[in-house]
C-alpha cells in the first residue's frame, strides 16, 4: 500500500518503493498511511471527522495539484459527477445498491486508465485516492455516508488548488 510521505516518495509498508510509478508525484501527509484501514465510521457509526476537515483533507488536495500532471477542476468534477449520478439513482429509489455497485467499481477502472495514459491524465495520488476509497466501500452506507462526504470535502477544499485547464 502506498504511504503518503512528505519526502515525495511512495513507499510501501516494508520501506520499498510502491508499484505503479509516481509520475513526479508529491505526496501528502504521513497521517494518510492506512487511513481507511478501519473504515469511514467511528465506533458509534458516525463519519470520522478527519475525512471532512480542512486540516486533513486540504493538504491531500494540494498534494494532488502539485504533481507535474496536476489535477484539474474538470477531472475532479468528472469523477465526482459520476458519484453524484450513482447517488441520485439510489435516492430516487429506482436502483438498489446491488444494481449500482458495478458503477462505483468503475471509478477505479477510469482512474487506473487516466493515470496510466502517456502522458498521464490524472496525478498518481488522485488515482491512489480513488483506488483506496473504492476498495474501502463495502456497503451503500460506506458510499453515501462515508466516501461521498469525504470526496465532497476534497472537491471543496481543493477548489483553491485545482488547475483550471490542461493548457
Protein backbone atom coordinates (compact mmCIF):
# COMPACT_ATOMS: atom_id res chain seq x y z
CA UNK A 1 0.00 0.00 0.00
CA UNK A 2 1.33 3.43 -0.88
CA UNK A 3 2.47 5.57 2.00
CA UNK A 4 1.92 9.28 1.64
CA UNK A 5 5.08 10.89 2.90
CA UNK A 6 6.33 14.43 2.87
CA UNK A 7 9.54 13.22 1.21
CA UNK A 8 7.76 12.87 -2.12
CA UNK A 9 8.48 9.15 -2.38
CA UNK A 10 5.82 6.47 -2.47
CA UNK A 11 6.87 3.68 -0.11
CA UNK A 12 5.18 0.50 0.93
CA UNK A 13 4.99 -0.83 4.48
CA UNK A 14 8.38 -2.51 4.22
CA UNK A 15 10.10 0.68 3.08
CA UNK A 16 10.36 -0.36 -0.57
CA UNK A 17 9.04 1.70 -3.44
CA UNK A 18 5.43 1.11 -4.27
CA UNK A 19 4.45 -0.06 -7.70
CA UNK A 20 2.89 1.97 -10.45
CA UNK A 21 5.37 4.85 -10.53
CA UNK A 22 4.58 8.23 -9.14
CA UNK A 23 4.99 10.40 -12.22
CA UNK A 24 6.83 13.09 -10.22
CA UNK A 25 4.18 12.76 -7.55
CA UNK A 26 4.17 14.96 -4.49
CA UNK A 27 2.79 13.01 -1.55
CA UNK A 28 0.61 14.30 1.26
CA UNK A 29 0.96 13.85 4.98
CA UNK A 30 2.10 10.69 6.77
CA UNK A 31 -1.26 10.77 8.54
CA UNK A 32 -2.86 9.22 5.46
CA UNK A 33 -0.92 5.94 5.81
CA UNK A 34 -3.59 3.22 6.15
CA UNK A 35 -6.20 5.92 6.75
CA UNK A 36 -9.06 3.75 5.52
CA UNK A 37 -7.92 0.62 7.33
CA UNK A 38 -10.71 0.87 9.92
CA UNK A 39 -13.36 2.27 7.58
CA UNK A 40 -15.12 5.59 7.42
CA UNK A 41 -17.03 5.39 10.69
CA UNK A 42 -16.24 5.57 14.39
CA UNK A 43 -17.48 3.09 17.00
CA UNK A 44 -20.88 4.81 17.08
CA UNK A 45 -21.36 4.59 13.33
CA UNK A 46 -20.65 8.29 12.70
CA UNK A 47 -18.35 9.54 9.97
CA UNK A 48 -14.87 10.12 11.37
CA UNK A 49 -14.32 13.87 11.39
CA UNK A 50 -10.86 13.65 9.79
CA UNK A 51 -12.49 12.68 6.49
CA UNK A 52 -14.10 16.11 6.18
CA UNK A 53 -11.82 18.56 8.00
CA UNK A 54 -9.71 21.18 6.27
CA UNK A 55 -6.65 20.24 8.33
CA UNK A 56 -6.66 16.69 6.96
CA UNK A 57 -8.23 16.95 3.51
CA UNK A 58 -6.86 20.20 2.08
CA UNK A 59 -3.20 19.07 2.24
CA UNK A 60 -4.19 15.95 0.32
CA UNK A 61 -5.94 18.03 -2.39
CA UNK A 62 -2.98 20.39 -2.55
CA UNK A 63 -0.54 17.49 -2.95
CA UNK A 64 -2.60 16.17 -5.87
CA UNK A 65 -2.29 19.54 -7.55
CA UNK A 66 1.46 19.88 -7.02
CA UNK A 67 2.12 16.82 -9.14
CA UNK A 68 3.63 17.67 -12.52
CA UNK A 69 0.41 16.30 -14.06
CA UNK A 70 -1.71 18.39 -11.71
CA UNK A 71 -5.36 17.76 -11.01
CA UNK A 72 -7.77 19.96 -12.92
CA UNK A 73 -11.20 21.14 -11.90
CA UNK A 74 -12.66 19.34 -14.92
CA UNK A 75 -11.10 16.00 -13.97
CA UNK A 76 -12.16 16.01 -10.34
CA UNK A 77 -15.67 17.16 -11.28
CA UNK A 78 -15.94 14.32 -13.80
CA UNK A 79 -15.24 11.69 -11.13
CA UNK A 80 -17.35 13.44 -8.52
CA UNK A 81 -20.20 13.84 -11.01
CA UNK A 82 -20.12 10.10 -11.64
CA UNK A 83 -20.54 9.55 -7.89
CA UNK A 84 -23.43 12.02 -7.68
CA UNK A 85 -25.17 10.26 -10.57
CA UNK A 86 -24.93 6.96 -8.68
CA UNK A 87 -26.23 8.66 -5.54
CA UNK A 88 -29.17 10.13 -7.48
CA UNK A 89 -30.12 6.68 -8.78
CA UNK A 90 -30.07 5.35 -5.21
CA UNK A 91 -32.08 8.27 -3.78
CA UNK A 92 -34.70 8.09 -6.49
CA UNK A 93 -35.41 4.53 -5.46
CA UNK A 94 -35.03 3.33 -8.99
CA UNK A 95 -31.93 1.30 -8.23
CA UNK A 96 -30.84 -0.99 -5.45
CA UNK A 97 -27.27 -0.94 -4.15
CA UNK A 98 -26.52 -4.21 -5.95
CA UNK A 99 -27.54 -2.58 -9.24
CA UNK A 100 -25.15 0.38 -8.89
CA UNK A 101 -22.24 -1.37 -7.19
CA UNK A 102 -20.56 -2.02 -10.54
CA UNK A 103 -20.83 1.70 -11.36
CA UNK A 104 -18.93 2.52 -8.17
CA UNK A 105 -16.25 -0.04 -9.05
CA UNK A 106 -15.86 1.58 -12.49
CA UNK A 107 -14.38 4.65 -10.80
CA UNK A 108 -11.25 2.61 -10.10
CA UNK A 109 -11.12 1.45 -13.72
CA UNK A 110 -11.41 5.02 -15.02
CA UNK A 111 -8.75 6.29 -12.61
CA UNK A 112 -6.34 3.48 -13.49
CA UNK A 113 -6.81 4.29 -17.17
CA UNK A 114 -6.29 8.03 -16.63
CA UNK A 115 -3.15 7.51 -14.55
CA UNK A 116 -1.58 5.05 -16.99
CA UNK A 117 -2.01 7.15 -20.14
CA UNK A 118 1.12 8.62 -21.67
CA UNK A 119 1.21 11.35 -20.64
CA UNK A 120 -0.90 10.67 -17.56
CA UNK A 121 -4.27 12.44 -17.48
CA UNK A 122 -4.58 12.43 -13.68
CA UNK A 123 -1.99 12.52 -10.89
CA UNK A 124 -0.94 9.20 -9.34
CA UNK A 125 -2.07 10.46 -5.93
CA UNK A 126 -5.62 11.09 -7.19
CA UNK A 127 -5.63 7.61 -8.74
CA UNK A 128 -4.49 6.22 -5.38
CA UNK A 129 -7.23 8.18 -3.59
CA UNK A 130 -9.90 6.70 -5.88
CA UNK A 131 -8.39 3.19 -5.71
CA UNK A 132 -8.20 3.15 -1.91
CA UNK A 133 -11.67 4.57 -1.42
CA UNK A 134 -13.35 2.25 -3.90
CA UNK A 135 -11.66 -0.67 -2.14
CA UNK A 136 -12.95 0.61 1.23
CA UNK A 137 -16.58 0.80 0.10
CA UNK A 138 -18.39 -2.33 1.26
CA UNK A 139 -21.96 -1.06 1.52
CA UNK A 140 -24.35 1.66 0.44
CA UNK A 141 -23.71 3.42 3.77
CA UNK A 142 -19.96 3.39 3.09
CA UNK A 143 -20.62 5.01 -0.28
CA UNK A 144 -23.29 7.54 0.66
CA UNK A 145 -22.29 8.49 4.20
CA UNK A 146 -18.55 7.79 4.08
CA UNK A 147 -16.97 8.18 0.67
CA UNK A 148 -19.26 10.87 -0.75
CA UNK A 149 -18.75 13.36 2.12
CA UNK A 150 -15.01 12.64 2.05
CA UNK A 151 -14.82 13.19 -1.72
CA UNK A 152 -17.00 16.30 -1.39
CA UNK A 153 -14.52 17.69 1.16
CA UNK A 154 -11.66 17.02 -1.25
CA UNK A 155 -13.52 18.83 -4.04
CA UNK A 156 -14.43 21.77 -1.81
CA UNK A 157 -11.05 22.27 -0.18
CA UNK A 158 -9.27 21.64 -3.46
CA UNK A 159 -11.01 24.44 -5.38
CA UNK A 160 -8.26 26.88 -4.45
CA UNK A 161 -5.63 24.46 -5.78
CA UNK A 162 -7.07 22.68 -8.82
CA UNK A 163 -5.78 23.77 -12.18
CA UNK A 164 -8.47 25.43 -14.26
CA UNK A 165 -7.49 23.75 -17.51
CA UNK A 166 -4.84 21.50 -19.01
CA UNK A 167 -3.46 24.43 -21.06
